Protein backbone atom coordinates (compact mmCIF):
# COMPACT_ATOMS: atom_id res chain seq x y z
CA MET A 1 0.00 0.00 0.00
CA ALA A 2 1.34 3.42 -0.93
CA SER A 3 1.63 6.12 1.70
CA PRO A 4 1.04 9.83 0.96
CA SER A 5 3.76 11.25 -1.25
CA THR A 6 6.22 13.89 -0.08
CA HIS A 7 6.90 16.88 -2.29
CA THR A 8 10.53 17.88 -2.78
CA LYS A 9 12.87 19.19 -5.48
CA SER A 10 15.26 17.41 -7.80
CA LEU A 11 17.26 17.99 -10.98
CA CYS A 12 16.61 16.90 -14.53
CA PRO A 13 19.44 14.51 -15.48
CA TYR A 14 19.54 15.99 -18.99
CA CYS A 15 19.31 19.78 -18.62
CA PHE A 16 20.03 19.99 -14.85
CA ARG A 17 17.22 22.44 -14.20
CA SER A 18 15.53 22.37 -10.80
CA ILE A 19 12.20 20.58 -11.05
CA PRO A 20 9.50 19.50 -8.60
CA ALA A 21 9.56 15.87 -7.49
CA GLN A 22 7.72 13.49 -5.22
CA ARG A 23 8.95 10.76 -2.89
CA ILE A 24 6.45 7.94 -3.16
CA SER A 25 6.64 5.23 -0.51
CA THR A 26 5.08 1.78 -0.53
CA ASP A 27 5.45 -1.03 1.97
CA GLU A 28 8.38 -2.36 -0.08
CA ALA A 29 10.27 0.69 -1.31
CA THR A 30 10.56 4.45 -1.78
CA TYR A 31 10.80 6.04 -5.22
CA LEU A 32 11.55 9.52 -6.54
CA SER A 33 9.12 10.54 -9.27
CA LYS A 34 9.76 13.64 -11.38
CA SER A 35 8.98 15.28 -14.69
CA CYS A 36 10.83 17.96 -16.67
CA PRO A 37 9.00 20.58 -18.77
CA GLU A 38 11.49 20.00 -21.57
CA HIS A 39 12.30 16.29 -21.27
CA GLY A 40 8.98 14.96 -20.04
CA ASP A 41 8.25 12.17 -17.59
CA LEU A 42 11.46 10.90 -16.02
CA GLY A 43 9.85 7.88 -14.40
CA LYS A 44 10.26 6.56 -10.86
CA THR A 45 13.79 6.09 -9.53
CA LEU A 46 14.27 3.57 -6.74
CA ILE A 47 15.98 5.30 -3.81
CA TRP A 48 15.27 2.98 -0.86
CA LYS A 49 14.17 -0.57 -0.07
CA ASN A 50 12.23 -1.05 3.13
CA HIS A 51 13.20 -4.69 3.70
CA SER A 52 15.72 -3.97 6.45
CA ARG A 53 14.91 -0.46 7.60
CA ALA A 54 12.23 1.98 6.49
CA TYR A 55 13.25 5.16 4.71
CA SER A 56 11.33 7.22 7.27
CA ASP A 57 13.39 5.64 10.08
CA TRP A 58 16.70 6.50 8.44
CA ILE A 59 16.44 10.17 7.50
CA ARG A 60 17.31 12.81 10.07
CA SER A 61 16.56 16.52 9.92
CA PRO A 62 19.34 19.06 10.59
CA GLU A 63 17.44 20.32 13.63
CA ASN A 64 17.85 16.94 15.31
CA VAL A 65 21.55 16.58 14.63
CA SER A 66 23.98 17.31 17.45
CA GLY A 67 27.57 16.67 18.31
CA HIS A 68 29.28 18.95 15.80
CA PRO A 69 32.30 20.94 16.92
CA ALA A 70 31.24 24.29 18.36
CA GLU A 71 32.95 26.34 15.66
CA ASN A 72 31.15 24.36 12.92
CA VAL A 73 27.78 24.92 14.59
CA GLN A 74 28.53 28.64 14.81
CA ALA A 75 29.48 28.70 11.15
CA ALA A 76 26.18 27.02 10.29
CA GLU A 77 24.29 29.65 12.28
CA ASN A 78 26.06 32.40 10.33
CA LYS A 79 25.19 31.16 6.86
CA ALA A 80 23.72 33.67 4.47
CA PRO A 81 20.04 33.52 3.52
CA THR A 82 19.21 31.43 0.51
CA SER A 83 19.38 33.17 -2.86
CA GLY A 84 16.21 31.43 -3.99
CA ASN A 85 18.18 29.64 -6.69
CA CYS A 86 19.18 26.56 -4.73
CA PRO A 87 21.23 24.48 -5.46
CA TYR A 88 23.03 26.60 -8.05
CA GLU A 89 24.20 29.65 -6.10
CA CYS A 90 23.55 29.40 -2.39
CA GLY A 91 26.13 26.80 -1.35
CA LEU A 92 25.55 25.93 2.31
CA CYS A 93 22.78 28.45 2.82
CA ALA A 94 20.35 29.13 5.66
CA ASP A 95 17.94 26.55 4.24
CA HIS A 96 20.58 23.83 4.66
CA ARG A 97 21.99 24.48 8.10
CA GLN A 98 23.58 21.16 8.96
CA ALA A 99 27.20 21.88 9.83
CA THR A 100 30.00 20.65 7.60
CA CYS A 101 31.22 17.28 8.92
CA SER A 102 34.01 17.00 6.33
CA ALA A 103 35.10 19.29 3.51
CA ILE A 104 36.24 17.71 0.23
CA LEU A 105 38.69 19.72 -1.88
CA GLU A 106 39.45 18.55 -5.41
CA VAL A 107 43.11 19.41 -5.94
CA THR A 108 43.46 17.85 -9.40
CA ARG A 109 41.52 16.28 -12.25
CA HIS A 110 44.52 14.19 -13.30
CA CYS A 111 44.48 10.44 -12.62
CA ASP A 112 46.88 7.61 -13.39
CA MET A 113 44.06 5.11 -13.91
CA ASP A 114 41.18 4.66 -16.36
CA CYS A 115 38.48 2.98 -14.29
CA ARG A 116 35.29 1.80 -15.94
CA ILE A 117 33.47 3.42 -13.04
CA CYS A 118 34.59 6.98 -12.29
CA PHE A 119 32.06 9.48 -10.98
CA ALA A 120 34.55 12.31 -11.66
CA SER A 121 35.57 11.23 -15.19
CA ALA A 122 39.14 12.05 -14.20
CA ASP A 123 41.44 12.43 -17.19
CA SER A 124 44.86 10.80 -17.48
CA ASP A 125 45.80 13.37 -20.16
CA THR A 126 45.11 16.35 -17.93
CA VAL A 127 48.45 17.65 -16.66
CA GLU A 128 47.56 21.05 -15.22
CA HIS A 129 46.64 21.29 -11.55
CA PRO A 130 45.18 24.23 -9.61
CA GLU A 131 47.95 26.50 -8.39
CA LEU A 132 48.86 26.48 -4.72
CA SER A 133 47.42 29.98 -4.45
CA GLN A 134 44.07 28.69 -5.67
CA ILE A 135 44.15 25.83 -3.19
CA GLU A 136 44.94 28.27 -0.41
CA GLU A 137 41.81 30.21 -1.39
CA MET A 138 39.83 26.95 -1.13
CA PHE A 139 41.15 26.32 2.37
CA LEU A 140 40.31 29.87 3.44
CA ALA A 141 36.80 29.61 2.00
CA VAL A 142 36.21 26.44 4.03
CA ARG A 143 37.58 28.11 7.17
CA ASP A 144 35.39 31.17 6.71
CA SER A 145 32.19 29.25 6.01
CA ALA A 146 32.57 26.12 8.14
CA GLY A 147 35.33 26.61 10.69
CA PHE A 148 37.93 23.85 10.79
CA PRO A 149 36.24 20.56 9.83
CA PRO A 150 38.27 17.56 8.67
CA ILE A 151 39.64 18.10 5.15
CA GLN A 152 39.69 15.44 2.46
CA LEU A 153 42.00 16.09 -0.50
CA SER A 154 40.46 14.45 -3.53
CA GLY A 155 40.39 14.61 -7.31
CA GLY A 156 41.29 12.95 -9.71
CA GLU A 157 44.16 11.25 -7.97
CA PRO A 158 45.79 13.64 -5.45
CA THR A 159 49.05 11.68 -5.34
CA SER A 160 49.62 12.60 -8.99
CA ARG A 161 50.70 15.99 -7.60
CA ASN A 162 54.35 15.98 -6.58
CA ASP A 163 53.60 18.99 -4.37
CA LEU A 164 50.92 17.18 -2.37
CA PRO A 165 53.09 17.36 0.80
CA ARG A 166 53.19 21.17 0.39
CA ILE A 167 49.39 21.24 0.17
CA ILE A 168 49.15 19.27 3.42
CA LEU A 169 51.62 21.63 5.09
CA LEU A 170 49.55 24.59 3.86
CA ALA A 171 46.39 23.14 5.38
CA ARG A 172 48.21 22.62 8.68
CA LYS A 173 49.53 26.19 8.61
CA ILE A 174 46.03 27.61 8.15
CA GLY A 175 44.82 25.61 11.13
CA PHE A 176 43.22 22.38 9.89
CA ASP A 177 44.26 19.49 12.10
CA HIS A 178 42.81 16.53 10.17
CA ILE A 179 43.89 16.15 6.53
CA GLN A 180 42.85 12.98 4.74
CA VAL A 181 44.02 11.97 1.25
CA ASN A 182 41.59 10.13 -1.03
CA THR A 183 43.74 7.80 -3.12
CA ASN A 184 43.82 4.68 -5.26
CA GLY A 185 46.99 3.72 -3.37
CA VAL A 186 49.16 3.04 -6.42
CA ARG A 187 51.80 5.67 -5.64
CA LEU A 188 51.76 4.76 -1.95
CA ALA A 189 52.65 1.22 -2.94
CA GLU A 190 55.31 2.17 -5.49
CA ASP A 191 57.00 5.29 -4.08
CA ALA A 192 58.27 4.96 -0.50
CA ASP A 193 59.93 8.40 -0.52
CA PHE A 194 56.70 10.12 -1.51
CA ALA A 195 54.75 8.24 1.18
CA ASN A 196 57.35 9.30 3.75
CA ALA A 197 57.01 12.93 2.60
CA LEU A 198 53.25 12.79 3.12
CA LYS A 199 53.77 11.55 6.66
CA ASP A 200 56.35 14.24 7.39
CA ALA A 201 53.95 16.90 6.07
CA GLY A 202 51.29 15.76 8.53
CA VAL A 203 48.77 13.65 6.62
CA SER A 204 46.23 12.25 9.08
CA ASP A 205 44.99 9.18 7.20
CA PHE A 206 44.18 7.75 3.78
CA PHE A 207 40.79 7.09 2.19
CA LEU A 208 41.94 4.07 0.19
CA GLN A 209 40.06 2.74 -2.82
CA PHE A 210 39.64 -0.97 -2.03
CA ASP A 211 36.97 -2.78 -4.04
CA GLY A 212 37.50 -6.41 -3.12
CA THR A 213 39.71 -9.30 -2.19
CA THR A 214 40.26 -10.86 -5.64
CA ASP A 215 41.86 -9.57 -8.83
CA GLU A 216 38.71 -10.39 -10.81
CA VAL A 217 36.90 -7.55 -9.06
CA TYR A 218 39.62 -5.02 -9.88
CA ALA A 219 39.89 -6.21 -13.47
CA HIS A 220 36.21 -5.49 -13.97
CA ILE A 221 35.94 -2.17 -12.12
CA ARG A 222 39.46 -0.71 -12.53
CA ARG A 223 40.67 -2.49 -15.70
CA LYS A 224 43.74 -3.82 -13.85
CA ASN A 225 44.70 -6.62 -11.47
CA LEU A 226 45.36 -4.47 -8.41
CA LEU A 227 44.99 -6.65 -5.33
CA SER A 228 48.75 -6.95 -4.71
CA THR A 229 49.11 -3.17 -5.14
CA LYS A 230 46.35 -2.50 -2.62
CA LEU A 231 47.96 -4.84 -0.09
CA LYS A 232 51.34 -3.19 -0.66
CA ALA A 233 49.73 0.20 0.02
CA LEU A 234 48.37 -1.18 3.29
CA GLU A 235 51.84 -2.46 4.20
CA ARG A 236 53.24 1.01 3.55
CA CYS A 237 50.61 2.59 5.80
CA ALA A 238 51.39 0.07 8.53
CA GLU A 239 55.12 0.83 8.29
CA LEU A 240 54.42 4.57 8.58
CA GLU A 241 51.76 4.07 11.28
CA ILE A 242 49.20 6.03 9.27
CA GLY A 243 45.56 5.04 9.59
CA THR A 244 43.54 3.97 6.57
CA ILE A 245 39.86 3.74 5.67
CA LEU A 246 39.05 1.07 3.08
CA VAL A 247 36.63 2.38 0.43
CA PRO A 248 34.91 -0.24 -1.75
CA THR A 249 32.72 0.91 -4.64
CA VAL A 250 29.97 -1.70 -4.48
CA VAL A 251 28.64 -2.92 -7.85
CA LYS A 252 25.78 -5.37 -8.08
CA ASN A 253 26.83 -8.90 -9.08
CA ILE A 254 30.50 -7.84 -9.23
CA ASN A 255 31.68 -7.41 -5.63
CA ASP A 256 28.56 -7.23 -3.46
CA HIS A 257 29.25 -10.84 -2.46
CA GLN A 258 32.64 -9.77 -0.98
CA ILE A 259 31.31 -7.29 1.57
CA GLY A 260 31.90 -9.74 4.42
CA THR A 261 35.39 -10.72 3.26
CA ILE A 262 36.39 -7.05 2.97
CA ILE A 263 35.29 -6.55 6.58
CA GLY A 264 37.25 -9.66 7.56
CA LEU A 265 40.38 -8.33 5.86
CA ALA A 266 39.91 -4.97 7.59
CA LYS A 267 39.85 -6.74 10.97
CA GLU A 268 43.13 -8.49 10.14
CA TRP A 269 44.76 -5.10 9.44
CA ILE A 270 43.71 -3.38 12.67
CA PRO A 271 45.04 -0.88 13.83
CA THR A 272 46.21 0.31 10.39
CA VAL A 273 42.69 -0.08 8.99
CA ARG A 274 40.32 1.99 11.06
CA GLY A 275 37.09 1.49 9.15
CA VAL A 276 35.37 0.49 5.93
CA HIS A 277 33.36 3.03 3.94
CA PHE A 278 31.09 1.20 1.52
CA GLN A 279 30.05 3.35 -1.43
CA PRO A 280 27.25 2.06 -3.68
CA ILE A 281 28.11 2.74 -7.31
CA THR A 282 27.20 6.26 -8.48
CA PHE A 283 25.87 6.32 -12.04
CA LEU A 284 27.69 9.48 -13.07
CA GLY A 285 30.83 10.49 -14.89
CA ARG A 286 32.20 7.62 -16.97
CA TYR A 287 29.17 5.35 -16.51
CA PRO A 288 27.77 4.96 -20.04
CA SER A 289 23.99 5.19 -19.54
CA ALA A 290 21.16 5.63 -17.08
CA PRO A 291 20.75 2.51 -14.92
CA HIS A 292 17.65 0.43 -14.40
CA ASN A 293 16.25 0.28 -10.88
CA GLU A 294 17.35 -3.34 -10.59
CA ASP A 295 20.97 -2.26 -11.17
CA ARG A 296 21.06 -0.02 -8.11
CA VAL A 297 22.83 -0.91 -4.87
CA LEU A 298 21.18 0.91 -1.99
CA ILE A 299 22.03 1.45 1.67
CA PRO A 300 19.57 -1.28 2.82
CA ASP A 301 21.26 -3.74 0.44
CA ILE A 302 24.63 -2.95 2.05
CA LEU A 303 23.22 -3.29 5.58
CA ASP A 304 21.60 -6.65 4.83
CA ALA A 305 24.79 -7.94 3.17
CA ILE A 306 26.89 -6.89 6.15
CA GLU A 307 24.69 -8.84 8.55
CA ALA A 308 24.40 -11.91 6.31
CA GLN A 309 28.06 -12.07 5.25
CA THR A 310 29.49 -11.55 8.74
CA GLY A 311 27.26 -14.30 10.14
CA GLY A 312 25.43 -11.78 12.31
CA GLU A 313 28.61 -10.44 13.94
CA LEU A 314 27.46 -7.05 12.64
CA LYS A 315 23.73 -6.45 12.45
CA VAL A 316 21.50 -3.92 10.73
CA ASP A 317 20.45 -2.58 14.12
CA HIS A 318 24.08 -1.70 14.92
CA PHE A 319 23.94 1.13 12.36
CA ILE A 320 22.29 4.49 12.89
CA PRO A 321 21.50 7.26 10.40
CA PRO A 322 24.36 9.66 9.65
CA GLY A 323 24.39 13.21 10.88
């Protein structure tokens, strides 16, 4: 039985204009239904399955979120009023007051890989990076709008920049005390001197792309057999005593059956590995076409797989909504 729909806003995937949308919930699932004046009916997109936890039990409003650092809460209170043209101009405006929990700065579009699945469509032929002066402006903008939240340096592949240690030092100088690097781990594995320089500069931890425990998974998603490289990157982090978060991109029928084994490997690498951040595939960037609903991997799918594949060691009820 369908429950009353909830009106919201979304974007047209073709022209990116803001359009009205509805969240339609049934006993089994929640869908987003929308229509564009130019591109017509866009159908119903599956956004949640209610088999493990209802969508209404998972979402949290900003007003009910607590526990942010005081300076971040103050920054949220000071946000400018919305321009009325959300989400194009307002940034983190007064209508979206949840404080910044982590700020992601893209320091390059260059990448040394050509993954089948890349939400950023990073380009191996792109050689120019933002200047250090531009990156300093990014850091200052984060400071002025959000205080000093954790910083994640992303891209592209940040380790393609030889001056990445200088960027970390710059962030430390401005006052950020947690600087994470989002990386595929290839240069960590292959370049010990560069990894040492990152530690000396003050990197806090690595957000390490880690899709599975067999080469078949990497061959499909990343076009290369990379398991030995990933394990070498973990060895490097252990030698340097730098913490690491494993980050699997979960693709249906490719590596969703390895969720439990990834958690098992993470346990073996404690204290170097400090967590696993499962990311359901995002159908953007290099992905060739719009997916069917049955292709989607959703948060409830991940939660159910964690419980089933760890033999109940971790349960759905152990997880709470983010915020």
